[in-house]
Each structure stands twice: as structure tokens, then as C-alpha cells.
Amino acid sequence: MPVPLYMDVHVPQAITDQLRRRGVDVLTAIEDKSATLPDDELLERARMLGRVLFTQDILFKTLAENWQRQGRAFAGLIFGHQLRGTIGQFVRDLELIATVSETDEWLNTVEHLPFN
């Protein structure tokens, strides 16, 4: 089953648009009316929806890593530093994740993009 993605508010719309053109199931925090939630609540929201969260916010990555250490459950977090990848790289890597992995493989996981 493809991995559904959840986009943090800071992710460029171009990434979401390109993923959708490629048939990836993507929901943004803005579309979900959750754009103003604090990061911890947004990470919990993504878990409730069963969606792996993609963010470019370093503090969000730190929060997820803290949750890992504490044993708190989350659906998975993918972090892509804004200065270390292009929109095209992020789209390719996220499409790969969405199409070849399983949702349960992402539980309580933090991954960095772009892949090299």
C-alpha cells in the first residue's frame, strides 16, 4: 500500500503539486485546517491520520528525534533541509518513499532527504 504523506506548512507548494501529478497521496496541513497547530500537535495529527510527515523545519526534526528517545509514537517524519536539496530532488525521493515502502516501516522513524 502506498505511503500517504502529510506536508508541513513550510513545504513549497511546488513539491506537493508535483507529487500529486505523479499520483502520490498528499495532504497539506493547510488543507487539513491544521496550519496553526504547534509542531507537537501537528506530529500527533499526522499520526492520527496515518500519514508520514514531511517538513523542512529543523526544530520539527528535533522534536521527532526527542519523541523517538522518549518512546512516543508517531507515524514517521521525513526532513529535507531547504538548502541541501532541490524541489526536484525532494519530489523524486518522496515519490520513491511513497511508492516502494509501507506505512508501518515509517513508524517512529526520522529520515533525511535528499538521498544521495
N, C-alpha and C. Protein backbone atom coordinates (compact mmCIF):
# COMPACT_ATOMS: atom_id res chain seq x y z
N MET A 1 0.85 -1.18 0.00
CA MET A 1 0.00 0.00 0.00
C MET A 1 0.89 1.24 0.00
N PRO A 2 0.63 2.19 -0.86
CA PRO A 2 1.44 3.42 -0.91
C PRO A 2 1.40 4.18 0.42
N VAL A 3 2.47 4.89 0.69
CA VAL A 3 2.58 5.68 1.92
C VAL A 3 1.95 7.05 1.69
N PRO A 4 0.91 7.41 2.44
CA PRO A 4 0.34 8.75 2.32
C PRO A 4 1.22 9.76 3.06
N LEU A 5 1.37 10.93 2.48
CA LEU A 5 2.23 11.97 3.04
C LEU A 5 1.41 13.13 3.58
N TYR A 6 2.00 13.80 4.58
CA TYR A 6 1.41 14.98 5.20
C TYR A 6 2.45 16.08 5.15
N MET A 7 2.12 17.21 4.55
CA MET A 7 3.07 18.29 4.36
C MET A 7 2.93 19.37 5.43
N ASP A 8 4.05 19.68 6.05
CA ASP A 8 4.12 20.79 6.99
C ASP A 8 3.84 22.09 6.24
N VAL A 9 3.50 23.14 6.96
CA VAL A 9 3.11 24.40 6.34
C VAL A 9 4.24 25.08 5.57
N HIS A 10 5.50 24.76 5.88
CA HIS A 10 6.62 25.44 5.25
C HIS A 10 7.10 24.78 3.97
N VAL A 11 6.49 23.67 3.60
CA VAL A 11 6.91 22.95 2.39
C VAL A 11 6.38 23.70 1.16
N PRO A 12 7.26 23.96 0.18
CA PRO A 12 6.80 24.67 -1.02
C PRO A 12 5.66 23.93 -1.73
N GLN A 13 4.68 24.68 -2.17
CA GLN A 13 3.53 24.11 -2.87
C GLN A 13 3.96 23.32 -4.11
N ALA A 14 5.05 23.72 -4.73
CA ALA A 14 5.54 23.03 -5.94
C ALA A 14 5.84 21.57 -5.65
N ILE A 15 6.33 21.25 -4.46
CA ILE A 15 6.60 19.85 -4.11
C ILE A 15 5.30 19.08 -4.05
N THR A 16 4.32 19.63 -3.37
CA THR A 16 3.00 18.98 -3.27
C THR A 16 2.38 18.80 -4.64
N ASP A 17 2.41 19.84 -5.46
CA ASP A 17 1.80 19.77 -6.79
C ASP A 17 2.45 18.69 -7.65
N GLN A 18 3.79 18.64 -7.64
CA GLN A 18 4.49 17.63 -8.45
C GLN A 18 4.20 16.22 -7.96
N LEU A 19 4.15 16.03 -6.66
CA LEU A 19 3.84 14.69 -6.13
C LEU A 19 2.43 14.26 -6.55
N ARG A 20 1.50 15.17 -6.48
CA ARG A 20 0.13 14.84 -6.89
C ARG A 20 0.07 14.49 -8.38
N ARG A 21 0.82 15.20 -9.20
CA ARG A 21 0.86 14.88 -10.63
C ARG A 21 1.39 13.48 -10.86
N ARG A 22 2.20 12.99 -9.93
CA ARG A 22 2.78 11.65 -10.03
C ARG A 22 1.93 10.60 -9.31
N GLY A 23 0.76 11.01 -8.83
CA GLY A 23 -0.17 10.07 -8.23
C GLY A 23 0.06 9.76 -6.75
N VAL A 24 0.86 10.59 -6.07
CA VAL A 24 1.14 10.37 -4.65
C VAL A 24 0.02 11.00 -3.82
N ASP A 25 -0.41 10.29 -2.79
CA ASP A 25 -1.44 10.76 -1.88
C ASP A 25 -0.81 11.76 -0.90
N VAL A 26 -1.15 13.04 -1.06
CA VAL A 26 -0.56 14.10 -0.25
C VAL A 26 -1.68 14.96 0.34
N LEU A 27 -1.53 15.26 1.63
CA LEU A 27 -2.42 16.19 2.30
C LEU A 27 -1.55 17.24 2.97
N THR A 28 -1.91 18.50 2.83
CA THR A 28 -1.13 19.56 3.49
C THR A 28 -1.82 19.97 4.79
N ALA A 29 -1.01 20.49 5.71
CA ALA A 29 -1.56 20.98 6.97
C ALA A 29 -2.56 22.11 6.70
N ILE A 30 -2.30 22.89 5.67
CA ILE A 30 -3.20 23.98 5.33
C ILE A 30 -4.56 23.43 4.89
N GLU A 31 -4.54 22.43 4.00
CA GLU A 31 -5.80 21.83 3.54
C GLU A 31 -6.56 21.16 4.69
N ASP A 32 -5.80 20.64 5.65
CA ASP A 32 -6.37 19.95 6.80
C ASP A 32 -6.83 20.92 7.89
N LYS A 33 -6.67 22.21 7.62
CA LYS A 33 -7.04 23.27 8.58
C LYS A 33 -6.25 23.13 9.89
N SER A 34 -5.00 22.65 9.76
CA SER A 34 -4.13 22.44 10.93
C SER A 34 -2.87 23.29 10.86
N ALA A 35 -2.85 24.29 10.01
CA ALA A 35 -1.64 25.08 9.75
C ALA A 35 -1.15 25.84 10.98
N THR A 36 -2.02 26.13 11.92
CA THR A 36 -1.61 26.91 13.08
C THR A 36 -1.32 26.05 14.31
N LEU A 37 -1.41 24.74 14.15
CA LEU A 37 -1.11 23.87 15.29
C LEU A 37 0.38 23.92 15.62
N PRO A 38 0.72 23.83 16.91
CA PRO A 38 2.14 23.71 17.25
C PRO A 38 2.69 22.38 16.73
N ASP A 39 4.01 22.30 16.58
CA ASP A 39 4.63 21.13 15.97
C ASP A 39 4.24 19.82 16.64
N ASP A 40 4.19 19.78 17.97
CA ASP A 40 3.85 18.53 18.64
C ASP A 40 2.43 18.07 18.30
N GLU A 41 1.51 19.00 18.20
CA GLU A 41 0.14 18.65 17.84
C GLU A 41 0.04 18.25 16.37
N LEU A 42 0.85 18.87 15.52
CA LEU A 42 0.84 18.52 14.10
C LEU A 42 1.43 17.12 13.89
N LEU A 43 2.47 16.78 14.64
CA LEU A 43 3.05 15.44 14.56
C LEU A 43 2.02 14.40 15.03
N GLU A 44 1.29 14.73 16.06
CA GLU A 44 0.22 13.84 16.55
C GLU A 44 -0.91 13.75 15.53
N ARG A 45 -1.25 14.86 14.91
CA ARG A 45 -2.31 14.87 13.88
C ARG A 45 -1.93 13.95 12.72
N ALA A 46 -0.70 14.03 12.26
CA ALA A 46 -0.24 13.16 11.18
C ALA A 46 -0.34 11.69 11.60
N ARG A 47 0.01 11.39 12.86
CA ARG A 47 -0.11 10.01 13.36
C ARG A 47 -1.57 9.55 13.33
N MET A 48 -2.46 10.41 13.79
CA MET A 48 -3.89 10.06 13.81
C MET A 48 -4.41 9.78 12.40
N LEU A 49 -3.87 10.51 11.42
CA LEU A 49 -4.29 10.33 10.03
C LEU A 49 -3.55 9.19 9.34
N GLY A 50 -2.52 8.65 9.99
CA GLY A 50 -1.73 7.57 9.39
C GLY A 50 -0.87 8.05 8.23
N ARG A 51 -0.36 9.29 8.34
CA ARG A 51 0.43 9.89 7.27
C ARG A 51 1.83 10.24 7.78
N VAL A 52 2.82 9.96 6.96
CA VAL A 52 4.20 10.33 7.26
C VAL A 52 4.35 11.82 6.95
N LEU A 53 4.92 12.54 7.90
CA LEU A 53 5.02 13.99 7.78
C LEU A 53 6.33 14.40 7.12
N PHE A 54 6.26 15.30 6.15
CA PHE A 54 7.45 15.88 5.53
C PHE A 54 7.56 17.33 5.98
N THR A 55 8.75 17.69 6.46
CA THR A 55 8.99 19.05 6.92
C THR A 55 10.37 19.52 6.48
N GLN A 56 10.53 20.82 6.45
CA GLN A 56 11.83 21.44 6.21
C GLN A 56 12.22 22.29 7.40
N ASP A 57 11.58 22.06 8.52
CA ASP A 57 11.79 22.79 9.76
C ASP A 57 12.70 21.98 10.68
N ILE A 58 13.90 22.48 10.94
CA ILE A 58 14.89 21.76 11.75
C ILE A 58 14.39 21.52 13.18
N LEU A 59 13.61 22.46 13.72
CA LEU A 59 13.08 22.27 15.08
C LEU A 59 12.06 21.13 15.12
N PHE A 60 11.33 20.95 14.03
CA PHE A 60 10.37 19.86 13.93
C PHE A 60 11.11 18.52 13.93
N LYS A 61 12.24 18.47 13.22
CA LYS A 61 13.06 17.26 13.19
C LYS A 61 13.56 16.93 14.59
N THR A 62 14.00 17.95 15.31
CA THR A 62 14.49 17.77 16.67
C THR A 62 13.38 17.23 17.58
N LEU A 63 12.17 17.76 17.41
CA LEU A 63 11.03 17.27 18.19
C LEU A 63 10.80 15.79 17.93
N ALA A 64 10.80 15.37 16.68
CA ALA A 64 10.57 13.96 16.35
C ALA A 64 11.68 13.08 16.92
N GLU A 65 12.92 13.55 16.87
CA GLU A 65 14.03 12.78 17.44
C GLU A 65 13.87 12.65 18.95
N ASN A 66 13.38 13.69 19.60
CA ASN A 66 13.10 13.62 21.04
C ASN A 66 11.99 12.60 21.32
N TRP A 67 10.96 12.58 20.49
CA TRP A 67 9.90 11.60 20.65
C TRP A 67 10.44 10.18 20.49
N GLN A 68 11.37 9.99 19.56
CA GLN A 68 12.00 8.68 19.39
C GLN A 68 12.65 8.24 20.70
N ARG A 69 13.45 9.12 21.28
CA ARG A 69 14.16 8.79 22.53
C ARG A 69 13.20 8.51 23.67
N GLN A 70 12.07 9.22 23.68
CA GLN A 70 11.08 9.05 24.75
C GLN A 70 10.16 7.86 24.52
N GLY A 71 10.23 7.26 23.34
CA GLY A 71 9.35 6.15 23.02
C GLY A 71 7.92 6.57 22.70
N ARG A 72 7.75 7.84 22.32
CA ARG A 72 6.42 8.34 21.92
C ARG A 72 6.15 7.97 20.48
N ALA A 73 4.96 7.50 20.23
CA ALA A 73 4.60 7.04 18.89
C ALA A 73 4.29 8.20 17.95
N PHE A 74 4.80 8.08 16.72
CA PHE A 74 4.42 8.99 15.63
C PHE A 74 4.52 8.21 14.33
N ALA A 75 3.88 8.73 13.29
CA ALA A 75 3.75 7.99 12.03
C ALA A 75 5.01 8.02 11.18
N GLY A 76 5.99 8.82 11.56
CA GLY A 76 7.21 8.96 10.79
C GLY A 76 7.39 10.40 10.35
N LEU A 77 8.66 10.81 10.24
CA LEU A 77 8.96 12.16 9.83
C LEU A 77 10.10 12.12 8.83
N ILE A 78 9.93 12.84 7.75
CA ILE A 78 10.96 13.00 6.73
C ILE A 78 11.37 14.46 6.74
N PHE A 79 12.67 14.68 6.90
CA PHE A 79 13.20 16.04 6.97
C PHE A 79 14.05 16.32 5.74
N GLY A 80 13.77 17.43 5.09
CA GLY A 80 14.57 17.88 3.95
C GLY A 80 15.02 19.30 4.17
N HIS A 81 16.32 19.49 4.43
CA HIS A 81 16.85 20.83 4.66
C HIS A 81 16.68 21.66 3.39
N GLN A 82 16.19 22.87 3.54
CA GLN A 82 15.88 23.74 2.40
C GLN A 82 17.09 24.04 1.53
N LEU A 83 18.28 24.06 2.10
CA LEU A 83 19.47 24.43 1.35
C LEU A 83 20.27 23.23 0.85
N ARG A 84 19.81 22.03 1.15
CA ARG A 84 20.58 20.85 0.77
C ARG A 84 19.91 19.99 -0.29
N GLY A 85 18.87 20.51 -0.89
CA GLY A 85 18.20 19.77 -1.95
C GLY A 85 17.34 20.69 -2.79
N THR A 86 17.06 20.23 -4.00
CA THR A 86 16.20 21.00 -4.89
C THR A 86 14.77 20.46 -4.78
N ILE A 87 13.85 21.22 -5.31
CA ILE A 87 12.46 20.75 -5.34
C ILE A 87 12.40 19.42 -6.08
N GLY A 88 13.10 19.31 -7.20
CA GLY A 88 13.11 18.08 -7.97
C GLY A 88 13.65 16.89 -7.19
N GLN A 89 14.72 17.10 -6.42
CA GLN A 89 15.27 16.02 -5.60
C GLN A 89 14.27 15.58 -4.54
N PHE A 90 13.66 16.55 -3.88
CA PHE A 90 12.68 16.21 -2.85
C PHE A 90 11.50 15.45 -3.45
N VAL A 91 11.03 15.89 -4.60
CA VAL A 91 9.90 15.22 -5.26
C VAL A 91 10.27 13.78 -5.60
N ARG A 92 11.43 13.57 -6.21
CA ARG A 92 11.86 12.20 -6.57
C ARG A 92 11.98 11.30 -5.35
N ASP A 93 12.60 11.80 -4.30
CA ASP A 93 12.80 10.99 -3.10
C ASP A 93 11.47 10.69 -2.40
N LEU A 94 10.60 11.69 -2.30
CA LEU A 94 9.30 11.48 -1.66
C LEU A 94 8.43 10.53 -2.48
N GLU A 95 8.49 10.64 -3.79
CA GLU A 95 7.74 9.71 -4.64
C GLU A 95 8.25 8.29 -4.43
N LEU A 96 9.54 8.12 -4.35
CA LEU A 96 10.13 6.80 -4.11
C LEU A 96 9.64 6.23 -2.78
N ILE A 97 9.70 7.04 -1.74
CA ILE A 97 9.23 6.62 -0.42
C ILE A 97 7.76 6.22 -0.48
N ALA A 98 6.95 7.05 -1.10
CA ALA A 98 5.51 6.81 -1.13
C ALA A 98 5.15 5.56 -1.91
N THR A 99 5.93 5.23 -2.93
CA THR A 99 5.54 4.12 -3.80
C THR A 99 6.19 2.79 -3.48
N VAL A 100 7.35 2.78 -2.82
CA VAL A 100 8.03 1.49 -2.61
C VAL A 100 8.13 1.07 -1.15
N SER A 101 7.69 1.90 -0.23
CA SER A 101 7.74 1.50 1.18
C SER A 101 6.32 1.34 1.71
N GLU A 102 6.25 0.79 2.91
CA GLU A 102 4.96 0.57 3.58
C GLU A 102 4.83 1.52 4.76
N THR A 103 3.62 1.91 5.06
CA THR A 103 3.37 2.86 6.15
C THR A 103 3.98 2.39 7.47
N ASP A 104 3.84 1.11 7.77
CA ASP A 104 4.35 0.62 9.06
C ASP A 104 5.88 0.65 9.15
N GLU A 105 6.57 0.73 8.03
CA GLU A 105 8.03 0.86 8.04
C GLU A 105 8.47 2.22 8.57
N TRP A 106 7.59 3.18 8.57
CA TRP A 106 7.92 4.55 8.94
C TRP A 106 7.62 4.88 10.39
N LEU A 107 6.92 3.99 11.09
CA LEU A 107 6.55 4.28 12.47
C LEU A 107 7.77 4.65 13.30
N ASN A 108 7.69 5.81 13.96
CA ASN A 108 8.73 6.28 14.88
C ASN A 108 10.09 6.46 14.22
N THR A 109 10.09 6.77 12.94
CA THR A 109 11.33 6.92 12.17
C THR A 109 11.52 8.36 11.72
N VAL A 110 12.78 8.80 11.71
CA VAL A 110 13.14 10.12 11.16
C VAL A 110 14.15 9.85 10.06
N GLU A 111 13.87 10.36 8.87
CA GLU A 111 14.76 10.17 7.72
C GLU A 111 15.11 11.54 7.15
N HIS A 112 16.30 11.66 6.58
CA HIS A 112 16.77 12.91 5.98
C HIS A 112 16.80 12.79 4.46
N LEU A 113 16.40 13.85 3.79
CA LEU A 113 16.47 13.96 2.34
C LEU A 113 17.35 15.15 1.98
N PRO A 114 17.92 15.20 0.81
CA PRO A 114 17.76 14.22 -0.25
C PRO A 114 18.64 13.00 -0.01
N PHE A 115 18.20 11.86 -0.60
CA PHE A 115 19.02 10.66 -0.61
C PHE A 115 20.19 10.95 -1.53
N ASN A 116 21.30 10.35 -1.28
CA ASN A 116 22.45 10.52 -2.18
C ASN A 116 22.72 9.28 -2.96
